[in-house]
């Protein structure tokens, strides 16, 4: 069959809108692109040949380059190979998956746990499996995109409540709850682009009063908060309360993947009904083994969490003093934080881009976060347990050098 001739270059095509949309992103200073990092993770990284102090990582405990995790991953590859090769319900299940799920359940003090191939898939699959068109999801307005995507996929009615506002949550429940079969309240524990934490005990009290389930995203709490590193749920004293706990293996635990921990019935249900678990390849053996090794480190070395909390508190205090005393920094606003995530809000996207570029020239790698990721532009600084006092000195010196 003779091929059709290509249309003249002057003709429009169905794909022309892509260029127009990209131009809009550029004009609004919303366009983003990847920045390859050379070498391993750590407090100092190399980007485009430049050595930079790293304040843009979620590797809170410094485990992503820990040799014990690397050794565990290498041994798993020797034992199981590089891939799981299929869905866990078919050919993809390995004993290392079960060991990891048991370790997560022990850490979280729940009956059982289930591991997904990413945190995004964990939220997507869990919310869409639990809820349907006859149900209601009440969501904190600042929740992670994966929770919101799961809610849309479920077909349930989704309503937001004002960020961490218990009165707003109560109002939404009073207005909507009785019209629906089931209700799920979803919230981040630590909000990834702000650093503050949800009012979890009050949320659980409201859930009990309105016959609702609660799902909390511990992506930035796992390994970081709580007496044993189990997360914000543990820190709040809520470990024994009815709750669906989700988290990731890719941040403080230095690996890849997501999990859900809860009752035995919940986990059994998800193994049978969560589409992003049933219909996808299991987590790679190397990632599972690395996460399992990381949980052992979290339990054995509480000093890592203690150093992390010290570094975060130190940075918050230094920033508050500088904003109060350095005229050039008075336009910055430090957002409330109870975590290693410390954000400085600025007036617009162009300003935060300029701030990030100037820090990079001074040897600092920090995330300039803009809409639509967040409602207002901010410099997102993340602290690691492996940061030294001299690293904080260098960051503060770079900030105070601005005119």
Protein backbone atom coordinates (compact mmCIF):
# COMPACT_ATOMS: atom_id res chain seq x y z
CA UNK A 1 0.00 0.00 0.00
CA UNK A 2 1.36 3.40 -0.96
CA UNK A 3 2.00 5.69 2.01
CA UNK A 4 0.15 8.99 2.26
CA UNK A 5 2.25 12.12 1.65
CA UNK A 6 3.10 14.23 4.71
CA UNK A 7 0.98 17.38 5.09
CA UNK A 8 2.61 20.69 4.14
CA UNK A 9 4.63 22.27 6.94
CA UNK A 10 2.25 25.24 7.11
CA UNK A 11 -0.77 23.09 7.99
CA UNK A 12 -1.85 22.79 11.59
CA UNK A 13 -2.00 19.42 13.34
CA UNK A 14 -3.83 17.99 16.33
CA UNK A 15 -0.63 18.37 18.39
CA UNK A 16 -0.05 22.11 17.98
CA UNK A 17 -1.66 22.86 21.33
CA UNK A 18 1.35 21.28 23.11
CA UNK A 19 3.70 24.07 22.03
CA UNK A 20 1.15 26.69 23.03
CA UNK A 21 0.71 25.15 26.46
CA UNK A 22 4.46 24.95 26.99
CA UNK A 23 4.78 28.62 26.04
CA UNK A 24 2.17 29.45 28.67
CA UNK A 25 4.16 27.54 31.30
CA UNK A 26 7.31 29.43 30.37
CA UNK A 27 5.61 32.83 30.55
CA UNK A 28 4.19 32.05 34.00
CA UNK A 29 7.61 30.79 35.24
CA UNK A 30 5.96 27.41 35.88
CA UNK A 31 8.06 25.36 33.47
CA UNK A 32 10.26 22.70 35.08
CA UNK A 33 12.93 20.29 33.92
CA UNK A 34 15.04 17.54 35.47
CA UNK A 35 18.51 18.13 36.95
CA UNK A 36 20.70 15.01 36.76
CA UNK A 37 22.71 14.33 39.92
CA UNK A 38 26.05 12.61 39.46
CA UNK A 39 27.07 10.00 42.00
CA UNK A 40 25.34 8.89 45.18
CA UNK A 41 22.87 10.72 47.39
CA UNK A 42 24.06 12.67 50.41
CA UNK A 43 24.42 16.11 52.01
CA UNK A 44 26.75 17.09 49.17
CA UNK A 45 25.85 16.26 45.56
CA UNK A 46 27.26 17.05 42.15
CA UNK A 47 25.05 18.61 39.46
CA UNK A 48 26.45 19.67 36.07
CA UNK A 49 29.97 19.42 37.43
CA UNK A 50 29.27 21.65 40.43
CA UNK A 51 29.51 20.39 44.01
CA UNK A 52 26.47 21.61 45.95
CA UNK A 53 25.20 21.40 49.50
CA UNK A 54 22.00 19.40 49.23
CA UNK A 55 18.92 20.92 50.89
CA UNK A 56 16.48 19.46 48.34
CA UNK A 57 16.41 15.78 49.31
CA UNK A 58 13.82 13.65 51.12
CA UNK A 59 16.62 11.32 52.25
CA UNK A 60 16.02 12.49 55.82
CA UNK A 61 18.11 9.87 57.62
CA UNK A 62 20.87 9.70 55.03
CA UNK A 63 20.15 6.04 54.25
CA UNK A 64 19.93 6.21 50.44
CA UNK A 65 23.71 5.80 50.18
CA UNK A 66 24.16 3.64 53.30
CA UNK A 67 26.40 0.64 52.44
CA UNK A 68 24.19 -1.70 54.48
CA UNK A 69 21.22 -0.98 52.24
CA UNK A 70 23.39 -1.39 49.14
CA UNK A 71 24.70 -4.74 50.40
CA UNK A 72 21.18 -5.97 51.13
CA UNK A 73 20.02 -4.93 47.65
CA UNK A 74 23.00 -6.63 46.00
CA UNK A 75 22.38 -9.86 47.90
CA UNK A 76 18.70 -9.80 46.91
CA UNK A 77 19.67 -9.47 43.24
CA UNK A 78 21.95 -12.51 43.58
CA UNK A 79 19.16 -14.49 45.23
CA UNK A 80 16.07 -13.37 43.29
CA UNK A 81 17.33 -11.56 40.18
CA UNK A 82 16.75 -7.96 39.17
CA UNK A 83 12.98 -7.98 38.72
CA UNK A 84 9.91 -9.55 40.26
CA UNK A 85 8.73 -10.47 36.73
CA UNK A 86 4.98 -10.27 37.35
CA UNK A 87 2.06 -9.37 39.55
CA UNK A 88 2.37 -10.58 43.13
CA UNK A 89 -0.78 -12.69 42.67
CA UNK A 90 0.79 -14.49 39.69
CA UNK A 91 4.56 -14.98 39.51
CA UNK A 92 5.87 -11.85 41.24
CA UNK A 93 5.68 -12.76 44.94
CA UNK A 94 8.98 -13.38 46.75
CA UNK A 95 9.73 -14.18 50.38
CA UNK A 96 11.53 -10.83 50.69
CA UNK A 97 8.17 -9.09 50.04
CA UNK A 98 6.55 -10.95 52.92
CA UNK A 99 9.48 -10.22 55.24
CA UNK A 100 9.24 -6.53 54.40
CA UNK A 101 5.48 -6.42 55.00
CA UNK A 102 5.90 -8.14 58.35
CA UNK A 103 8.61 -5.64 59.34
CA UNK A 104 6.39 -2.69 58.37
CA UNK A 105 3.46 -4.10 60.36
CA UNK A 106 5.73 -4.57 63.39
CA UNK A 107 7.05 -1.01 63.09
CA UNK A 108 3.56 0.45 62.68
CA UNK A 109 2.06 -1.90 65.32
CA UNK A 110 -0.69 -3.10 62.98
CA UNK A 111 -2.00 -6.56 62.10
CA UNK A 112 -0.54 -6.58 58.61
CA UNK A 113 0.83 -4.47 55.76
CA UNK A 114 0.90 -4.53 51.96
CA UNK A 115 3.71 -3.16 49.79
CA UNK A 116 3.08 -1.39 46.47
CA UNK A 117 5.60 -0.52 43.74
CA UNK A 118 5.40 3.19 44.61
CA UNK A 119 3.75 5.48 47.12
CA UNK A 120 1.62 7.01 44.37
CA UNK A 121 0.30 3.56 43.46
CA UNK A 122 -0.41 2.82 47.12
CA UNK A 123 -2.66 5.87 47.45
CA UNK A 124 -4.23 5.42 44.03
CA UNK A 125 -5.08 1.78 44.61
CA UNK A 126 -6.18 2.02 48.23
CA UNK A 127 -8.59 4.94 47.87
CA UNK A 128 -10.10 3.63 44.64
CA UNK A 129 -10.55 0.14 46.13
CA UNK A 130 -12.22 1.31 49.33
CA UNK A 131 -14.57 3.91 47.86
CA UNK A 132 -17.15 4.01 45.09
CA UNK A 133 -19.85 6.12 43.49
CA UNK A 134 -22.14 5.88 46.52
CA UNK A 135 -19.46 7.14 48.91
CA UNK A 136 -17.96 10.39 50.23
CA UNK A 137 -14.29 11.37 50.52
CA UNK A 138 -13.44 14.39 52.68
CA UNK A 139 -9.91 15.61 51.95
CA UNK A 140 -7.56 18.24 53.36
CA UNK A 141 -7.14 20.85 50.63
CA UNK A 142 -3.33 20.54 50.77
CA UNK A 143 -3.22 16.74 50.42
CA UNK A 144 -0.73 15.12 48.08
CA UNK A 145 -1.78 14.77 44.44
CA UNK A 146 -1.84 10.97 44.73
CA UNK A 147 -4.63 11.08 47.32
CA UNK A 148 -6.64 13.41 45.12
CA UNK A 149 -6.05 11.20 42.06
CA UNK A 150 -7.21 8.15 44.00
CA UNK A 151 -10.36 9.97 45.04
CA UNK A 152 -11.19 10.95 41.45
CA UNK A 153 -10.50 7.42 40.22
CA UNK A 154 -12.84 5.95 42.83
CA UNK A 155 -15.87 7.82 41.48
CA UNK A 156 -16.81 8.93 45.01
CA UNK A 157 -17.98 12.44 45.78
CA UNK A 158 -14.95 14.50 46.86
CA UNK A 159 -15.15 17.56 49.09
CA UNK A 160 -12.24 19.48 50.56
CA UNK A 161 -11.94 21.00 54.00
CA UNK A 162 -9.71 23.97 54.84
CA UNK A 163 -6.13 22.99 55.57
CA UNK A 164 -5.83 21.35 59.03
CA UNK A 165 -9.04 23.11 60.08
CA UNK A 166 -11.04 20.84 62.38
CA UNK A 167 -14.06 23.17 62.34
CA UNK A 168 -14.12 23.07 58.54
CA UNK A 169 -13.90 19.29 58.57
CA UNK A 170 -16.77 19.06 61.05
CA UNK A 171 -18.88 21.35 58.87
CA UNK A 172 -18.29 19.25 55.77
CA UNK A 173 -19.21 16.08 57.66
CA UNK A 174 -22.35 17.66 59.08
CA UNK A 175 -23.39 18.85 55.63
CA UNK A 176 -22.62 15.77 53.57
CA UNK A 177 -22.03 12.59 55.59
CA UNK A 178 -25.59 11.30 55.99
CA UNK A 179 -26.18 11.37 52.23
CA UNK A 180 -23.60 8.65 51.49
CA UNK A 181 -23.02 4.97 52.21
CA UNK A 182 -19.40 5.17 53.40
CA UNK A 183 -17.12 8.09 54.24
CA UNK A 184 -13.33 8.30 54.15
CA UNK A 185 -11.38 11.22 55.63
CA UNK A 186 -7.95 11.49 53.97
CA UNK A 187 -5.02 13.61 55.12
CA UNK A 188 -1.26 13.82 54.95
CA UNK A 189 0.38 13.47 58.34
CA UNK A 190 3.29 15.75 57.40
CA UNK A 191 2.42 18.06 54.51
CA UNK A 192 5.22 17.74 52.00
CA UNK A 193 5.23 21.30 50.67
CA UNK A 194 4.66 23.06 53.99
CA UNK A 195 6.25 20.95 56.73
CA UNK A 196 3.36 21.21 59.20
CA UNK A 197 1.36 18.28 60.59
CA UNK A 198 -2.33 17.44 60.65
CA UNK A 199 -4.49 17.54 63.84
CA UNK A 200 -4.79 13.74 63.82
CA UNK A 201 -6.37 13.06 67.25
CA UNK A 202 -9.16 15.54 66.53
CA UNK A 203 -9.68 14.07 63.05
CA UNK A 204 -10.03 10.59 64.54
CA UNK A 205 -12.53 11.88 67.11
CA UNK A 206 -14.66 13.39 64.34
CA UNK A 207 -14.40 10.19 62.32
CA UNK A 208 -15.78 8.20 65.23
CA UNK A 209 -18.62 10.68 65.71
CA UNK A 210 -19.60 10.57 62.02
CA UNK A 211 -19.05 6.84 61.33
CA UNK A 212 -16.14 7.53 58.98
CA UNK A 213 -12.87 5.85 58.12
CA UNK A 214 -9.55 7.76 58.24
CA UNK A 215 -6.57 7.30 55.93
CA UNK A 216 -3.36 9.12 56.78
CA UNK A 217 -0.40 9.51 54.39
CA UNK A 218 2.81 9.05 56.39
CA UNK A 219 5.18 9.52 53.44
CA UNK A 220 7.18 12.21 55.25
CA UNK A 221 6.60 10.85 58.77
CA UNK A 222 7.79 7.26 58.45
CA UNK A 223 11.25 6.83 59.94
CA UNK A 224 11.32 10.49 60.95
CA UNK A 225 8.76 10.98 63.74
CA UNK A 226 7.71 8.97 66.78
CA UNK A 227 9.63 7.30 69.58
CA UNK A 228 10.58 4.34 67.38
CA UNK A 229 10.39 6.08 64.00
CA UNK A 230 6.96 4.63 63.21
CA UNK A 231 5.73 8.08 62.18
CA UNK A 232 3.36 10.86 63.17
CA UNK A 233 0.63 8.40 64.17
CA UNK A 234 2.97 7.05 66.84
CA UNK A 235 4.05 10.54 67.88
CA UNK A 236 0.38 11.48 68.46
CA UNK A 237 -0.30 8.41 70.55
CA UNK A 238 -2.83 7.16 67.99
CA UNK A 239 -1.25 3.82 67.04
CA UNK A 240 -4.02 1.72 68.58
CA UNK A 241 -6.93 3.60 67.04
CA UNK A 242 -8.85 2.40 63.93
CA UNK A 243 -6.87 3.86 61.05
CA UNK A 244 -5.51 3.23 57.56
CA UNK A 245 -1.81 4.12 57.47
CA UNK A 246 -0.05 4.66 54.18
CA UNK A 247 3.61 5.54 53.72
CA UNK A 248 6.58 5.34 51.39
CA UNK A 249 9.85 3.43 51.35
CA UNK A 250 11.51 6.08 49.15
CA UNK A 251 12.17 8.91 51.58
CA UNK A 252 13.59 8.31 55.06
CA UNK A 253 13.91 4.58 54.27
CA UNK A 254 16.14 5.28 51.27
CA UNK A 255 14.59 2.77 48.84
CA UNK A 256 11.53 2.68 46.57
CA UNK A 257 7.89 1.71 47.00
CA UNK A 258 4.86 2.40 49.14
CA UNK A 259 2.90 0.55 51.79
CA UNK A 260 -0.43 0.44 53.56
CA UNK A 261 -0.62 -0.85 57.14
CA UNK A 262 -3.76 -1.67 59.08
CA UNK A 263 -6.10 -4.43 60.15
CA UNK A 264 -5.82 -7.95 58.72
CA UNK A 265 -9.19 -7.52 56.98
CA UNK A 266 -8.14 -4.25 55.36
CA UNK A 267 -4.91 -5.72 53.96
CA UNK A 268 -6.65 -8.89 52.74
CA UNK A 269 -9.24 -6.72 50.99
CA UNK A 270 -6.55 -4.61 49.29
CA UNK A 271 -4.70 -7.70 48.08
CA UNK A 272 -7.87 -8.68 46.28
CA UNK A 273 -9.29 -5.32 45.18
CA UNK A 274 -6.58 -2.64 44.87
CA UNK A 275 -6.03 -2.36 41.09
CA UNK A 276 -2.58 -0.75 41.36
CA UNK A 277 -1.40 -3.81 43.33
CA UNK A 278 -3.32 -6.58 41.60
CA UNK A 279 -2.44 -5.52 38.06
CA UNK A 280 1.17 -4.37 38.35
CA UNK A 281 4.56 -6.01 38.76
CA UNK A 282 5.71 -6.50 42.33
CA UNK A 283 8.37 -4.32 43.91
CA UNK A 284 11.86 -5.30 42.77
CA UNK A 285 13.72 -7.62 45.18
CA UNK A 286 16.54 -5.11 45.52
CA UNK A 287 14.19 -2.30 46.59
CA UNK A 288 12.40 -4.61 49.04
CA UNK A 289 15.66 -5.75 50.60
CA UNK A 290 16.99 -2.20 50.90
CA UNK A 291 13.80 -1.06 52.63
CA UNK A 292 13.94 -4.03 55.00
CA UNK A 293 17.54 -3.14 55.91
CA UNK A 294 16.50 0.50 56.43
CA UNK A 295 13.79 -0.48 58.92
CA UNK A 296 16.42 -2.40 60.89
CA UNK A 297 18.62 0.72 60.96
CA UNK A 298 15.69 2.91 62.07
CA UNK A 299 15.07 0.58 65.00
CA UNK A 300 18.73 0.17 65.95
CA UNK A 301 19.92 3.77 65.55
CA UNK A 302 17.52 6.28 67.15
CA UNK A 303 20.41 8.75 67.21
CA UNK A 304 19.79 9.39 63.51
CA UNK A 305 16.29 10.70 64.26
CA UNK A 306 17.59 12.71 67.19
CA UNK A 307 20.25 14.36 65.03
CA UNK A 308 17.67 15.06 62.33
CA UNK A 309 15.34 16.77 64.79
CA UNK A 310 18.24 18.78 66.20
CA UNK A 311 19.28 19.95 62.73
CA UNK A 312 15.71 20.90 61.78
CA UNK A 313 15.15 22.87 65.00
CA UNK A 314 18.53 24.59 64.56
CA UNK A 315 17.68 25.68 61.01
CA UNK A 316 14.25 27.00 62.00
CA UNK A 317 15.78 29.07 64.81
CA UNK A 318 18.52 30.46 62.55
CA UNK A 319 16.00 31.42 59.86
CA UNK A 320 13.69 33.13 62.34
CA UNK A 321 16.56 35.22 63.72
CA UNK A 322 17.77 36.15 60.25
CA UNK A 323 14.29 37.14 59.00
CA UNK A 324 13.83 39.32 62.07
CA UNK A 325 17.20 41.07 61.83
CA UNK A 326 18.38 41.09 58.19
CA UNK A 327 16.49 43.72 56.13
CA UNK A 328 16.95 41.86 52.85
CA UNK A 329 15.19 38.79 54.28
CA UNK A 330 12.18 40.49 55.86
CA UNK A 331 10.07 39.83 52.77
CA UNK A 332 10.42 36.10 53.40
CA UNK A 333 7.92 34.24 55.56
CA UNK A 334 8.82 30.95 57.23
CA UNK A 335 5.83 28.65 57.09
CA UNK A 336 4.91 26.74 60.28
CA UNK A 337 6.81 23.45 60.47
CA UNK A 338 7.09 20.54 62.88
CA UNK A 339 9.26 18.42 60.59
CA UNK A 340 12.55 18.49 58.63
CA UNK A 341 10.71 20.35 55.84
CA UNK A 342 11.26 24.11 56.24
CA UNK A 343 9.68 26.45 53.69
CA UNK A 344 10.25 30.13 53.01
CA UNK A 345 7.29 31.71 51.23
CA UNK A 346 7.99 34.44 48.66
CA UNK A 347 5.73 36.73 46.66
CA UNK A 348 5.77 35.05 43.24
CA UNK A 349 7.26 32.39 40.96
CA UNK A 350 9.84 34.72 39.40
CA UNK A 351 11.18 35.67 42.84
CA UNK A 352 11.57 32.09 44.05
CA UNK A 353 13.29 31.09 40.81
CA UNK A 354 15.75 33.93 41.25
CA UNK A 355 16.30 32.94 44.88
CA UNK A 356 17.00 29.35 43.92
CA UNK A 357 19.43 30.38 41.18
CA UNK A 358 21.34 32.71 43.50
CA UNK A 359 21.63 29.98 46.12
CA UNK A 360 22.98 27.62 43.50
CA UNK A 361 25.67 30.12 42.55
CA UNK A 362 26.58 30.14 46.24
CA UNK A 363 26.87 26.34 46.27
CA UNK A 364 23.43 25.50 47.68
CA UNK A 365 20.91 23.15 46.03
CA UNK A 366 17.38 23.99 47.20
CA UNK A 367 13.95 23.45 45.64
CA UNK A 368 12.17 26.50 44.21
CA UNK A 369 8.56 25.30 44.31
CA UNK A 370 5.90 27.12 42.30
CA UNK A 371 2.28 26.79 41.29
CA UNK A 372 0.55 24.57 40.31
CA UNK A 373 2.41 22.31 42.74
CA UNK A 374 1.64 24.73 45.59
CA UNK A 375 -0.80 27.66 45.91
CA UNK A 376 2.01 30.14 46.68
CA UNK A 377 5.68 30.07 45.66
CA UNK A 378 8.21 29.01 48.25
CA UNK A 379 11.78 27.88 48.76
CA UNK A 380 11.57 24.33 50.16
CA UNK A 381 14.51 23.39 52.37
CA UNK A 382 14.81 19.82 53.62
CA UNK A 383 17.17 18.85 56.42
CA UNK A 384 19.04 15.57 56.73
CA UNK A 385 20.50 13.79 59.74
CA UNK A 386 23.84 13.83 57.91
CA UNK A 387 23.95 17.63 57.62
CA UNK A 388 26.65 19.15 59.78
CA UNK A 389 26.55 22.48 61.58
CA UNK A 390 28.98 23.87 59.00
CA UNK A 391 26.47 23.03 56.26
CA UNK A 392 23.82 25.12 58.01
CA UNK A 393 26.39 27.91 58.42
CA UNK A 394 26.99 27.91 54.66
CA UNK A 395 23.27 27.99 53.88
CA UNK A 396 22.64 30.89 56.23
CA UNK A 397 25.65 32.81 54.94
CA UNK A 398 24.33 32.45 51.40
CA UNK A 399 20.88 33.68 52.39
CA UNK A 400 22.18 36.66 54.36
CA UNK A 401 24.39 37.72 51.48
CA UNK A 402 21.33 38.69 49.44
CA UNK A 403 20.68 42.39 48.96
